[in-house]
Amino acid sequence: TIGNFLGGMWANESWGRYWGWDPKETWALISIMVYAFVVHMRLVPGLRGRFGFNMMSVIAFASIIFTYFGVNFYLSGLHSYQSGQQIASINIIIISIILIAILGIVAYIKYAKFYKK
């Protein structure tokens, strides 16, 4: 969060604008908002459960991974540092999403079996 604010101040001095909707800036803001949601989930009565918090933590971590790899190697913009080949194909990304979904389903089944009695 501090990095986004300081980056905006620096961008205003360098480019004459605080925000440029660059993919890196946008995904950094999305990551902040996702983690703010995770932190504030405990305040919403329907979202206080252990399983929901753990699953949202995994999704929030995946947003950080996408912020680094997705923006640096797949999206173009002011903050794109791509050089050479892409490090992962779209198939690897789809397989990762499917594996995380399967992990979430299995975790929920185990959670329902042992904790919801």
PDB file of N, CA and C in Angstrom:
ATOM      1  N   THR A   1       0.830  -1.188   0.000  1.00  0.00           N
ATOM      2  CA  THR A   1       0.000   0.000   0.000  1.00  0.00           C
ATOM      3  C   THR A   1       0.872   1.248   0.000  1.00  0.00           C
ATOM      4  N   ILE A   2       1.879   1.222   0.840  1.00  0.00           N
ATOM      5  CA  ILE A   2       2.795   2.366   0.891  1.00  0.00           C
ATOM      6  C   ILE A   2       3.509   2.518  -0.450  1.00  0.00           C
ATOM      7  N   GLY A   3       3.882   1.386  -1.054  1.00  0.00           N
ATOM      8  CA  GLY A   3       4.538   1.428  -2.358  1.00  0.00           C
ATOM      9  C   GLY A   3       3.661   2.041  -3.432  1.00  0.00           C
ATOM     10  N   ASN A   4       2.376   1.750  -3.397  1.00  0.00           N
ATOM     11  CA  ASN A   4       1.467   2.351  -4.375  1.00  0.00           C
ATOM     12  C   ASN A   4       1.366   3.862  -4.185  1.00  0.00           C
ATOM     13  N   PHE A   5       1.253   4.304  -2.934  1.00  0.00           N
ATOM     14  CA  PHE A   5       1.169   5.742  -2.689  1.00  0.00           C
ATOM     15  C   PHE A   5       2.471   6.451  -3.066  1.00  0.00           C
ATOM     16  N   LEU A   6       3.603   5.888  -2.661  1.00  0.00           N
ATOM     17  CA  LEU A   6       4.880   6.512  -3.009  1.00  0.00           C
ATOM     18  C   LEU A   6       5.131   6.458  -4.511  1.00  0.00           C
ATOM     19  N   GLY A   7       4.719   5.350  -5.148  1.00  0.00           N
ATOM     20  CA  GLY A   7       4.853   5.250  -6.600  1.00  0.00           C
ATOM     21  C   GLY A   7       4.013   6.291  -7.316  1.00  0.00           C
ATOM     22  N   GLY A   8       2.827   6.573  -6.792  1.00  0.00           N
ATOM     23  CA  GLY A   8       1.993   7.621  -7.379  1.00  0.00           C
ATOM     24  C   GLY A   8       2.629   8.993  -7.249  1.00  0.00           C
ATOM     25  N   MET A   9       3.230   9.256  -6.095  1.00  0.00           N
ATOM     26  CA  MET A   9       3.910  10.543  -5.909  1.00  0.00           C
ATOM     27  C   MET A   9       5.105  10.659  -6.854  1.00  0.00           C
ATOM     28  N   TRP A  10       5.851   9.564  -7.009  1.00  0.00           N
ATOM     29  CA  TRP A  10       7.001   9.572  -7.910  1.00  0.00           C
ATOM     30  C   TRP A  10       6.540   9.743  -9.360  1.00  0.00           C
ATOM     31  N   ALA A  11       5.449   9.055  -9.727  1.00  0.00           N
ATOM     32  CA  ALA A  11       4.936   9.153 -11.095  1.00  0.00           C
ATOM     33  C   ALA A  11       4.477  10.572 -11.405  1.00  0.00           C
ATOM     34  N   ASN A  12       3.916  11.249 -10.433  1.00  0.00           N
ATOM     35  CA  ASN A  12       3.481  12.626 -10.657  1.00  0.00           C
ATOM     36  C   ASN A  12       4.677  13.528 -10.935  1.00  0.00           C
ATOM     37  N   GLU A  13       5.766  13.298 -10.223  1.00  0.00           N
ATOM     38  CA  GLU A  13       6.973  14.097 -10.462  1.00  0.00           C
ATOM     39  C   GLU A  13       7.616  13.749 -11.802  1.00  0.00           C
ATOM     40  N   SER A  14       7.593  12.467 -12.171  1.00  0.00           N
ATOM     41  CA  SER A  14       8.274  12.030 -13.388  1.00  0.00           C
ATOM     42  C   SER A  14       7.442  12.240 -14.645  1.00  0.00           C
ATOM     43  N   TRP A  15       6.167  11.864 -14.585  1.00  0.00           N
ATOM     44  CA  TRP A  15       5.332  11.866 -15.788  1.00  0.00           C
ATOM     45  C   TRP A  15       4.190  12.863 -15.739  1.00  0.00           C
ATOM     46  N   GLY A  16       4.021  13.541 -14.622  1.00  0.00           N
ATOM     47  CA  GLY A  16       2.964  14.531 -14.519  1.00  0.00           C
ATOM     48  C   GLY A  16       1.583  13.953 -14.258  1.00  0.00           C
ATOM     49  N   ARG A  17       1.523  12.716 -13.810  1.00  0.00           N
ATOM     50  CA  ARG A  17       0.240  12.083 -13.470  1.00  0.00           C
ATOM     51  C   ARG A  17       0.481  11.095 -12.336  1.00  0.00           C
ATOM     52  N   TYR A  18      -0.548  10.908 -11.524  1.00  0.00           N
ATOM     53  CA  TYR A  18      -0.430   9.998 -10.388  1.00  0.00           C
ATOM     54  C   TYR A  18      -0.677   8.549 -10.781  1.00  0.00           C
ATOM     55  N   TRP A  19      -1.561   8.355 -11.732  1.00  0.00           N
ATOM     56  CA  TRP A  19      -1.988   6.994 -12.069  1.00  0.00           C
ATOM     57  C   TRP A  19      -2.112   6.883 -13.573  1.00  0.00           C
ATOM     58  N   GLY A  20      -1.588   5.777 -14.156  1.00  0.00           N
ATOM     59  CA  GLY A  20      -1.638   5.617 -15.598  1.00  0.00           C
ATOM     60  C   GLY A  20      -2.362   4.378 -16.072  1.00  0.00           C
ATOM     61  N   TRP A  21      -2.977   3.626 -15.194  1.00  0.00           N
ATOM     62  CA  TRP A  21      -3.664   2.369 -15.515  1.00  0.00           C
ATOM     63  C   TRP A  21      -2.752   1.398 -16.243  1.00  0.00           C
ATOM     64  N   ASP A  22      -1.495   1.419 -15.887  1.00  0.00           N
ATOM     65  CA  ASP A  22      -0.541   0.435 -16.374  1.00  0.00           C
ATOM     66  C   ASP A  22      -0.882  -0.912 -15.729  1.00  0.00           C
ATOM     67  N   PRO A  23      -0.648  -2.045 -16.415  1.00  0.00           N
ATOM     68  CA  PRO A  23      -0.986  -3.342 -15.805  1.00  0.00           C
ATOM     69  C   PRO A  23      -0.325  -3.579 -14.451  1.00  0.00           C
ATOM     70  N   LYS A  24       0.901  -3.152 -14.258  1.00  0.00           N
ATOM     71  CA  LYS A  24       1.572  -3.356 -12.966  1.00  0.00           C
ATOM     72  C   LYS A  24       0.887  -2.543 -11.866  1.00  0.00           C
ATOM     73  N   GLU A  25       0.568  -1.301 -12.159  1.00  0.00           N
ATOM     74  CA  GLU A  25      -0.135  -0.470 -11.174  1.00  0.00           C
ATOM     75  C   GLU A  25      -1.508  -1.052 -10.846  1.00  0.00           C
ATOM     76  N   THR A  26      -2.212  -1.453 -11.881  1.00  0.00           N
ATOM     77  CA  THR A  26      -3.565  -1.970 -11.692  1.00  0.00           C
ATOM     78  C   THR A  26      -3.557  -3.259 -10.884  1.00  0.00           C
ATOM     79  N   TRP A  27      -2.650  -4.186 -11.209  1.00  0.00           N
ATOM     80  CA  TRP A  27      -2.613  -5.450 -10.468  1.00  0.00           C
ATOM     81  C   TRP A  27      -2.065  -5.273  -9.064  1.00  0.00           C
ATOM     82  N   ALA A  28      -1.225  -4.290  -8.852  1.00  0.00           N
ATOM     83  CA  ALA A  28      -0.796  -3.997  -7.481  1.00  0.00           C
ATOM     84  C   ALA A  28      -1.989  -3.515  -6.659  1.00  0.00           C
ATOM     85  N   LEU A  29      -2.833  -2.679  -7.255  1.00  0.00           N
ATOM     86  CA  LEU A  29      -4.039  -2.223  -6.561  1.00  0.00           C
ATOM     87  C   LEU A  29      -5.006  -3.380  -6.318  1.00  0.00           C
ATOM     88  N   ILE A  30      -5.168  -4.260  -7.306  1.00  0.00           N
ATOM     89  CA  ILE A  30      -6.035  -5.427  -7.134  1.00  0.00           C
ATOM     90  C   ILE A  30      -5.516  -6.302  -5.999  1.00  0.00           C
ATOM     91  N   SER A  31      -4.210  -6.500  -5.923  1.00  0.00           N
ATOM     92  CA  SER A  31      -3.629  -7.311  -4.846  1.00  0.00           C
ATOM     93  C   SER A  31      -3.895  -6.692  -3.483  1.00  0.00           C
ATOM     94  N   ILE A  32      -3.774  -5.379  -3.390  1.00  0.00           N
ATOM     95  CA  ILE A  32      -4.066  -4.694  -2.125  1.00  0.00           C
ATOM     96  C   ILE A  32      -5.527  -4.890  -1.749  1.00  0.00           C
ATOM     97  N   MET A  33      -6.421  -4.752  -2.731  1.00  0.00           N
ATOM     98  CA  MET A  33      -7.850  -4.893  -2.440  1.00  0.00           C
ATOM     99  C   MET A  33      -8.206  -6.326  -2.053  1.00  0.00           C
ATOM    100  N   VAL A  34      -7.579  -7.321  -2.702  1.00  0.00           N
ATOM    101  CA  VAL A  34      -7.855  -8.719  -2.366  1.00  0.00           C
ATOM    102  C   VAL A  34      -7.395  -9.013  -0.938  1.00  0.00           C
ATOM    103  N   TYR A  35      -6.198  -8.576  -0.578  1.00  0.00           N
ATOM    104  CA  TYR A  35      -5.719  -8.821   0.784  1.00  0.00           C
ATOM    105  C   TYR A  35      -6.490  -8.002   1.819  1.00  0.00           C
ATOM    106  N   ALA A  36      -6.964  -6.822   1.454  1.00  0.00           N
ATOM    107  CA  ALA A  36      -7.818  -6.060   2.375  1.00  0.00           C
ATOM    108  C   ALA A  36      -9.118  -6.814   2.624  1.00  0.00           C
ATOM    109  N   PHE A  37      -9.649  -7.453   1.591  1.00  0.00           N
ATOM    110  CA  PHE A  37     -10.853  -8.268   1.765  1.00  0.00           C
ATOM    111  C   PHE A  37     -10.581  -9.439   2.701  1.00  0.00           C
ATOM    112  N   VAL A  38      -9.436 -10.098   2.525  1.00  0.00           N
ATOM    113  CA  VAL A  38      -9.090 -11.234   3.392  1.00  0.00           C
ATOM    114  C   VAL A  38      -8.970 -10.774   4.844  1.00  0.00           C
ATOM    115  N   VAL A  39      -8.334  -9.643   5.065  1.00  0.00           N
ATOM    116  CA  VAL A  39      -8.157  -9.143   6.427  1.00  0.00           C
ATOM    117  C   VAL A  39      -9.500  -8.770   7.056  1.00  0.00           C
ATOM    118  N   HIS A  40     -10.410  -8.222   6.258  1.00  0.00           N
ATOM    119  CA  HIS A  40     -11.687  -7.759   6.793  1.00  0.00           C
ATOM    120  C   HIS A  40     -12.785  -8.820   6.762  1.00  0.00           C
ATOM    121  N   MET A  41     -12.486 -10.014   6.280  1.00  0.00           N
ATOM    122  CA  MET A  41     -13.490 -11.081   6.261  1.00  0.00           C
ATOM    123  C   MET A  41     -13.992 -11.418   7.662  1.00  0.00           C
ATOM    124  N   ARG A  42     -13.155 -11.275   8.643  1.00  0.00           N
ATOM    125  CA  ARG A  42     -13.539 -11.639  10.011  1.00  0.00           C
ATOM    126  C   ARG A  42     -14.621 -10.722  10.562  1.00  0.00           C
ATOM    127  N   LEU A  43     -14.829  -9.565   9.947  1.00  0.00           N
ATOM    128  CA  LEU A  43     -15.844  -8.625  10.410  1.00  0.00           C
ATOM    129  C   LEU A  43     -17.231  -8.921   9.844  1.00  0.00           C
ATOM    130  N   VAL A  44     -17.302  -9.756   8.805  1.00  0.00           N
ATOM    131  CA  VAL A  44     -18.581 -10.097   8.181  1.00  0.00           C
ATOM    132  C   VAL A  44     -19.043 -11.425   8.764  1.00  0.00           C
ATOM    133  N   PRO A  45     -20.200 -11.462   9.417  1.00  0.00           N
ATOM    134  CA  PRO A  45     -20.623 -12.694  10.107  1.00  0.00           C
ATOM    135  C   PRO A  45     -20.682 -13.932   9.209  1.00  0.00           C
ATOM    136  N   GLY A  46     -21.111 -13.802   7.979  1.00  0.00           N
ATOM    137  CA  GLY A  46     -21.207 -14.962   7.101  1.00  0.00           C
ATOM    138  C   GLY A  46     -19.879 -15.453   6.561  1.00  0.00           C
ATOM    139  N   LEU A  47     -18.825 -14.676   6.727  1.00  0.00           N
ATOM    140  CA  LEU A  47     -17.515 -15.034   6.170  1.00  0.00           C
ATOM    141  C   LEU A  47     -16.482 -15.344   7.246  1.00  0.00           C
ATOM    142  N   ARG A  48     -16.894 -15.578   8.458  1.00  0.00           N
ATOM    143  CA  ARG A  48     -15.950 -15.775   9.559  1.00  0.00           C
ATOM    144  C   ARG A  48     -15.372 -17.174   9.635  1.00  0.00           C
ATOM    145  N   GLY A  49     -15.814 -18.086   8.819  1.00  0.00           N
ATOM    146  CA  GLY A  49     -15.391 -19.473   8.938  1.00  0.00           C
ATOM    147  C   GLY A  49     -13.928 -19.699   8.609  1.00  0.00           C
ATOM    148  N   ARG A  50     -13.423 -20.775   9.131  1.00  0.00           N
ATOM    149  CA  ARG A  50     -12.030 -21.158   8.925  1.00  0.00           C
ATOM    150  C   ARG A  50     -11.772 -21.509   7.463  1.00  0.00           C
ATOM    151  N   PHE A  51     -12.686 -22.277   6.854  1.00  0.00           N
ATOM    152  CA  PHE A  51     -12.483 -22.721   5.477  1.00  0.00           C
ATOM    153  C   PHE A  51     -12.473 -21.539   4.507  1.00  0.00           C
ATOM    154  N   GLY A  52     -13.435 -20.637   4.640  1.00  0.00           N
ATOM    155  CA  GLY A  52     -13.502 -19.484   3.740  1.00  0.00           C
ATOM    156  C   GLY A  52     -12.261 -18.615   3.822  1.00  0.00           C
ATOM    157  N   PHE A  53     -11.778 -18.407   5.040  1.00  0.00           N
ATOM    158  CA  PHE A  53     -10.575 -17.600   5.220  1.00  0.00           C
ATOM    159  C   PHE A  53      -9.372 -18.267   4.562  1.00  0.00           C
ATOM    160  N   ASN A  54      -9.234 -19.575   4.767  1.00  0.00           N
ATOM    161  CA  ASN A  54      -8.099 -20.287   4.175  1.00  0.00           C
ATOM    162  C   ASN A  54      -8.178 -20.297   2.656  1.00  0.00           C
ATOM    163  N   MET A  55      -9.370 -20.498   2.106  1.00  0.00           N
ATOM    164  CA  MET A  55      -9.514 -20.525   0.651  1.00  0.00           C
ATOM    165  C   MET A  55      -9.238 -19.148   0.050  1.00  0.00           C
ATOM    166  N   MET A  56      -9.731 -18.094   0.692  1.00  0.00           N
ATOM    167  CA  MET A  56      -9.460 -16.746   0.186  1.00  0.00           C
ATOM    168  C   MET A  56      -7.983 -16.393   0.310  1.00  0.00           C
ATOM    169  N   SER A  57      -7.305 -16.937   1.306  1.00  0.00           N
ATOM    170  CA  SER A  57      -5.866 -16.704   1.433  1.00  0.00           C
ATOM    171  C   SER A  57      -5.113 -17.326   0.266  1.00  0.00           C
ATOM    172  N   VAL A  58      -5.534 -18.509  -0.165  1.00  0.00           N
ATOM    173  CA  VAL A  58      -4.905 -19.153  -1.326  1.00  0.00           C
ATOM    174  C   VAL A  58      -5.174 -18.335  -2.583  1.00  0.00           C
ATOM    175  N   ILE A  59      -6.397 -17.861  -2.755  1.00  0.00           N
ATOM    176  CA  ILE A  59      -6.733 -17.044  -3.926  1.00  0.00           C
ATOM    177  C   ILE A  59      -5.958 -15.729  -3.901  1.00  0.00           C
ATOM    178  N   ALA A  60      -5.807 -15.131  -2.724  1.00  0.00           N
ATOM    179  CA  ALA A  60      -5.047 -13.887  -2.607  1.00  0.00           C
ATOM    180  C   ALA A  60      -3.581 -14.110  -2.963  1.00  0.00           C
ATOM    181  N   PHE A  61      -3.019 -15.232  -2.521  1.00  0.00           N
ATOM    182  CA  PHE A  61      -1.632 -15.539  -2.878  1.00  0.00           C
ATOM    183  C   PHE A  61      -1.503 -15.743  -4.384  1.00  0.00           C
ATOM    184  N   ALA A  62      -2.497 -16.376  -5.004  1.00  0.00           N
ATOM    185  CA  ALA A  62      -2.471 -16.559  -6.455  1.00  0.00           C
ATOM    186  C   ALA A  62      -2.514 -15.207  -7.172  1.00  0.00           C
ATOM    187  N   SER A  63      -3.210 -14.233  -6.610  1.00  0.00           N
ATOM    188  CA  SER A  63      -3.227 -12.906  -7.236  1.00  0.00           C
ATOM    189  C   SER A  63      -1.851 -12.246  -7.160  1.00  0.00           C
ATOM    190  N   ILE A  64      -1.115 -12.505  -6.088  1.00  0.00           N
ATOM    191  CA  ILE A  64       0.249 -11.972  -5.984  1.00  0.00           C
ATOM    192  C   ILE A  64       1.153 -12.636  -7.021  1.00  0.00           C
ATOM    193  N   ILE A  65       1.019 -13.949  -7.175  1.00  0.00           N
ATOM    194  CA  ILE A  65       1.816 -14.661  -8.177  1.00  0.00           C
ATOM    195  C   ILE A  65       1.503 -14.129  -9.570  1.00  0.00           C
ATOM    196  N   PHE A  66       0.214 -13.905  -9.863  1.00  0.00           N
ATOM    197  CA  PHE A  66      -0.131 -13.362 -11.177  1.00  0.00           C
ATOM    198  C   PHE A  66       0.392 -11.945 -11.334  1.00  0.00           C
ATOM    199  N   THR A  67       0.365 -11.171 -10.269  1.00  0.00           N
ATOM    200  CA  THR A  67       0.889  -9.809 -10.352  1.00  0.00           C
ATOM    201  C   THR A  67       2.349  -9.827 -10.779  1.00  0.00           C
ATOM    202  N   TYR A  68       3.114 -10.775 -10.267  1.00  0.00           N
ATOM    203  CA  TYR A  68       4.527 -10.844 -10.645  1.00  0.00           C
ATOM    204  C   TYR A  68       4.712 -11.454 -12.033  1.00  0.00           C
ATOM    205  N   PHE A  69       4.280 -12.702 -12.201  1.00  0.00           N
ATOM    206  CA  PHE A  69       4.553 -13.395 -13.456  1.00  0.00           C
ATOM    207  C   PHE A  69       3.686 -12.889 -14.602  1.00  0.00           C
ATOM    208  N   GLY A  70       2.417 -12.709 -14.358  1.00  0.00           N
ATOM    209  CA  GLY A  70       1.508 -12.300 -15.425  1.00  0.00           C
ATOM    210  C   GLY A  70       1.840 -10.938 -15.984  1.00  0.00           C
ATOM    211  N   VAL A  71       2.106  -9.997 -15.110  1.00  0.00           N
ATOM    212  CA  VAL A  71       2.382  -8.642 -15.567  1.00  0.00           C
ATOM    213  C   VAL A  71       3.788  -8.536 -16.141  1.00  0.00           C
ATOM    214  N   ASN A  72       4.749  -9.142 -15.496  1.00  0.00           N
ATOM    215  CA  ASN A  72       6.128  -9.013 -15.969  1.00  0.00           C
ATOM    216  C   ASN A  72       6.382  -9.742 -17.278  1.00  0.00           C
ATOM    217  N   PHE A  73       5.713 -10.866 -17.506  1.00  0.00           N
ATOM    218  CA  PHE A  73       6.054 -11.680 -18.662  1.00  0.00           C
ATOM    219  C   PHE A  73       4.965 -11.773 -19.721  1.00  0.00           C
ATOM    220  N   TYR A  74       3.720 -11.424 -19.406  1.00  0.00           N
ATOM    221  CA  TYR A  74       2.644 -11.599 -20.382  1.00  0.00           C
ATOM    222  C   TYR A  74       1.986 -10.301 -20.812  1.00  0.00           C
ATOM    223  N   LEU A  75       1.851  -9.352 -19.943  1.00  0.00           N
ATOM    224  CA  LEU A  75       1.196  -8.095 -20.286  1.00  0.00           C
ATOM    225  C   LEU A  75       2.249  -7.051 -20.622  1.00  0.00           C
ATOM    226  N   SER A  76       1.880  -6.109 -21.458  1.00  0.00           N
ATOM    227  CA  SER A  76       2.838  -5.063 -21.816  1.00  0.00           C
ATOM    228  C   SER A  76       2.444  -3.767 -21.123  1.00  0.00           C
ATOM    229  N   GLY A  77       3.414  -2.919 -20.941  1.00  0.00           N
ATOM    230  CA  GLY A  77       3.160  -1.640 -20.295  1.00  0.00           C
ATOM    231  C   GLY A  77       4.472  -1.007 -19.881  1.00  0.00           C
ATOM    232  N   LEU A  78       4.377   0.011 -19.057  1.00  0.00           N
ATOM    233  CA  LEU A  78       5.578   0.714 -18.606  1.00  0.00           C
ATOM    234  C   LEU A  78       6.460  -0.151 -17.727  1.00  0.00           C
ATOM    235  N   HIS A  79       5.862  -1.104 -17.023  1.00  0.00           N
ATOM    236  CA  HIS A  79       6.597  -1.932 -16.079  1.00  0.00           C
ATOM    237  C   HIS A  79       6.789  -3.346 -16.591  1.00  0.00           C
ATOM    238  N   SER A  80       6.887  -3.557 -17.856  1.00  0.00           N
ATOM    239  CA  SER A  80       7.037  -4.904 -18.392  1.00  0.00           C
ATOM    240  C   SER A  80       8.518  -5.172 -18.614  1.00  0.00           C
ATOM    241  N   TYR A  81       8.998  -6.260 -18.033  1.00  0.00           N
ATOM    242  CA  TYR A  81      10.424  -6.580 -18.085  1.00  0.00           C
ATOM    243  C   TYR A  81      10.667  -7.867 -18.845  1.00  0.00           C
ATOM    244  N   GLN A  82       9.916  -8.095 -19.864  1.00  0.00           N
ATOM    245  CA  GLN A  82      10.003  -9.346 -20.605  1.00  0.00           C
ATOM    246  C   GLN A  82      11.264  -9.364 -21.453  1.00  0.00           C
ATOM    247  N   SER A  83      11.925 -10.519 -21.428  1.00  0.00           N
ATOM    248  CA  SER A  83      13.044 -10.737 -22.330  1.00  0.00           C
ATOM    249  C   SER A  83      13.090 -12.217 -22.647  1.00  0.00           C
ATOM    250  N   GLY A  84      13.135 -12.542 -23.918  1.00  0.00           N
ATOM    251  CA  GLY A  84      13.191 -13.948 -24.297  1.00  0.00           C
ATOM    252  C   GLY A  84      11.830 -14.603 -24.346  1.00  0.00           C
ATOM    253  N   GLN A  85      11.828 -15.912 -24.120  1.00  0.00           N
ATOM    254  CA  GLN A  85      10.611 -16.714 -24.202  1.00  0.00           C
ATOM    255  C   GLN A  85       9.730 -16.516 -22.977  1.00  0.00           C
ATOM    256  N   GLN A  86       8.439 -16.780 -23.176  1.00  0.00           N
ATOM    257  CA  GLN A  86       7.532 -16.777 -22.038  1.00  0.00           C
ATOM    258  C   GLN A  86       7.879 -17.958 -21.152  1.00  0.00           C
ATOM    259  N   ILE A  87       7.734 -17.793 -19.843  1.00  0.00           N
ATOM    260  CA  ILE A  87       8.165 -18.848 -18.931  1.00  0.00           C
ATOM    261  C   ILE A  87       7.137 -19.943 -18.749  1.00  0.00           C
ATOM    262  N   ALA A  88       5.900 -19.682 -19.079  1.00  0.00           N
ATOM    263  CA  ALA A  88       4.870 -20.710 -18.934  1.00  0.00           C
ATOM    264  C   ALA A  88       3.822 -20.515 -20.018  1.00  0.00           C
ATOM    265  N   SER A  89       3.313 -21.609 -20.502  1.00  0.00           N
ATOM    266  CA  SER A  89       2.264 -21.497 -21.505  1.00  0.00           C
ATOM    267  C   SER A  89       0.920 -21.372 -20.812  1.00  0.00           C
ATOM    268  N   ILE A  90      -0.083 -21.057 -21.580  1.00  0.00           N
ATOM    269  CA  ILE A  90      -1.426 -20.915 -21.027  1.00  0.00           C
ATOM    270  C   ILE A  90      -1.921 -22.240 -20.465  1.00  0.00           C
ATOM    271  N   ASN A  91      -1.440 -23.355 -21.009  1.00  0.00           N
ATOM    272  CA  ASN A  91      -1.858 -24.666 -20.503  1.00  0.00           C
ATOM    273  C   ASN A  91      -1.424 -24.871 -19.054  1.00  0.00           C
ATOM    274  N   ILE A  92      -0.232 -24.437 -18.707  1.00  0.00           N
ATOM    275  CA  ILE A  92       0.251 -24.577 -17.335  1.00  0.00           C
ATOM    276  C   ILE A  92      -0.596 -23.724 -16.392  1.00  0.00           C
ATOM    277  N   ILE A  93      -0.986 -22.554 -16.835  1.00  0.00           N
ATOM    278  CA  ILE A  93      -1.824 -21.683 -16.011  1.00  0.00           C
ATOM    279  C   ILE A  93      -3.195 -22.311 -15.791  1.00  0.00           C
ATOM    280  N   ILE A  94      -3.790 -22.858 -16.840  1.00  0.00           N
ATOM    281  CA  ILE A  94      -5.101 -23.507 -16.719  1.00  0.00           C
ATOM    282  C   ILE A  94      -5.010 -24.722 -15.807  1.00  0.00           C
ATOM    283  N   ILE A  95      -3.970 -25.526 -15.963  1.00  0.00           N
ATOM    284  CA  ILE A  95      -3.788 -26.699 -15.100  1.00  0.00           C
ATOM    285  C   ILE A  95      -3.629 -26.268 -13.644  1.00  0.00           C
ATOM    286  N   SER A  96      -2.900 -25.182 -13.395  1.00  0.00           N
ATOM    287  CA  SER A  96      -2.730 -24.690 -12.024  1.00  0.00           C
ATOM    288  C   SER A  96      -4.058 -24.256 -11.419  1.00  0.00           C
ATOM    289  N   ILE A  97      -4.878 -23.573 -12.200  1.00  0.00           N
ATOM    290  CA  ILE A  97      -6.191 -23.140 -11.710  1.00  0.00           C
ATOM    291  C   ILE A  97      -7.068 -24.344 -11.401  1.00  0.00           C
ATOM    292  N   ILE A  98      -7.043 -25.352 -12.275  1.00  0.00           N
ATOM    293  CA  ILE A  98      -7.833 -26.566 -12.046  1.00  0.00           C
ATOM    294  C   ILE A  98      -7.352 -27.285 -10.792  1.00  0.00           C
ATOM    295  N   LEU A  99      -6.035 -27.381 -10.596  1.00  0.00           N
ATOM    296  CA  LEU A  99      -5.503 -28.044  -9.401  1.00  0.00           C
ATOM    297  C   LEU A  99      -5.886 -27.305  -8.119  1.00  0.00           C
ATOM    298  N   ILE A 100      -5.859 -25.983  -8.153  1.00  0.00           N
ATOM    299  CA  ILE A 100      -6.267 -25.213  -6.976  1.00  0.00           C
ATOM    300  C   ILE A 100      -7.752 -25.421  -6.700  1.00  0.00           C
ATOM    301  N   ALA A 101      -8.570 -25.490  -7.756  1.00  0.00           N
ATOM    302  CA  ALA A 101     -10.004 -25.742  -7.569  1.00  0.00           C
ATOM    303  C   ALA A 101     -10.243 -27.130  -6.981  1.00  0.00           C
ATOM    304  N   ILE A 102      -9.530 -28.139  -7.487  1.00  0.00           N
ATOM    305  CA  ILE A 102      -9.665 -29.501  -6.949  1.00  0.00           C
ATOM    306  C   ILE A 102      -9.213 -29.535  -5.492  1.00  0.00           C
ATOM    307  N   LEU A 103      -8.112 -28.871  -5.193  1.00  0.00           N
ATOM    308  CA  LEU A 103      -7.634 -28.792  -3.814  1.00  0.00           C
ATOM    309  C   LEU A 103      -8.684 -28.150  -2.907  1.00  0.00           C
ATOM    310  N   GLY A 104      -9.325 -27.102  -3.388  1.00  0.00           N
ATOM    311  CA  GLY A 104     -10.375 -26.454  -2.611  1.00  0.00           C
ATOM    312  C   GLY A 104     -11.570 -27.358  -2.373  1.00  0.00           C
ATOM    313  N   ILE A 105     -11.971 -28.118  -3.391  1.00  0.00           N
ATOM    314  CA  ILE A 105     -13.099 -29.045  -3.244  1.00  0.00           C
ATOM    315  C   ILE A 105     -12.765 -30.141  -2.243  1.00  0.00           C
ATOM    316  N   VAL A 106     -11.584 -30.729  -2.372  1.00  0.00           N
ATOM    317  CA  VAL A 106     -11.169 -31.785  -1.439  1.00  0.00           C
ATOM    318  C   VAL A 106     -11.062 -31.227  -0.019  1.00  0.00           C
ATOM    319  N   ALA A 107     -10.510 -30.035   0.115  1.00  0.00           N
ATOM    320  CA  ALA A 107     -10.393 -29.428   1.445  1.00  0.00           C
ATOM    321  C   ALA A 107     -11.767 -29.177   2.051  1.00  0.00           C
ATOM    322  N   TYR A 108     -12.725 -28.749   1.237  1.00  0.00           N
ATOM    323  CA  TYR A 108     -14.071 -28.514   1.766  1.00  0.00           C
ATOM    324  C   TYR A 108     -14.731 -29.816   2.197  1.00  0.00           C
ATOM    325  N   ILE A 109     -14.549 -30.869   1.427  1.00  0.00           N
ATOM    326  CA  ILE A 109     -15.118 -32.170   1.801  1.00  0.00           C
ATOM    327  C   ILE A 109     -14.526 -32.634   3.127  1.00  0.00           C
ATOM    328  N   LYS A 110     -13.209 -32.526   3.275  1.00  0.00           N
ATOM    329  CA  LYS A 110     -12.561 -32.910   4.540  1.00  0.00           C
ATOM    330  C   LYS A 110     -13.032 -32.015   5.684  1.00  0.00           C
ATOM    331  N   TYR A 111     -13.164 -30.731   5.414  1.00  0.00           N
ATOM    332  CA  TYR A 111     -13.628 -29.791   6.433  1.00  0.00           C
ATOM    333  C   TYR A 111     -15.046 -30.141   6.877  1.00  0.00           C
ATOM    334  N   ALA A 112     -15.906 -30.411   5.919  1.00  0.00           N
ATOM    335  CA  ALA A 112     -17.293 -30.751   6.249  1.00  0.00           C
ATOM    336  C   ALA A 112     -17.369 -32.057   7.028  1.00  0.00           C
ATOM    337  N   LYS A 113     -16.488 -32.982   6.723  1.00  0.00           N
ATOM    338  CA  LYS A 113     -16.502 -34.286   7.389  1.00  0.00           C
ATOM    339  C   LYS A 113     -16.040 -34.184   8.842  1.00  0.00           C
ATOM    340  N   PHE A 114     -14.998 -33.417   9.110  1.00  0.00           N
ATOM    341  CA  PHE A 114     -14.393 -33.406  10.438  1.00  0.00           C
ATOM    342  C   PHE A 114     -14.853 -32.257  11.337  1.00  0.00           C
ATOM    343  N   TYR A 115     -15.201 -31.110  10.776  1.00  0.00           N
ATOM    344  CA  TYR A 115     -15.487 -29.949  11.614  1.00  0.00           C
ATOM    345  C   TYR A 115     -16.958 -29.588  11.709  1.00  0.00           C
ATOM    346  N   LYS A 116     -17.768 -30.002  10.768  1.00  0.00           N
ATOM    347  CA  LYS A 116     -19.196 -29.674  10.807  1.00  0.00           C
ATOM    348  C   LYS A 116     -19.976 -30.857  11.342  1.00  0.00           C
ATOM    349  N   LYS A 117     -20.020 -31.000  12.639  1.00  0.00           N
ATOM    350  CA  LYS A 117     -20.761 -32.113  13.250  1.00  0.00           C
ATOM    351  C   LYS A 117     -21.899 -31.593  14.064  1.00  0.00           C
TER     352      LYS A 117
END
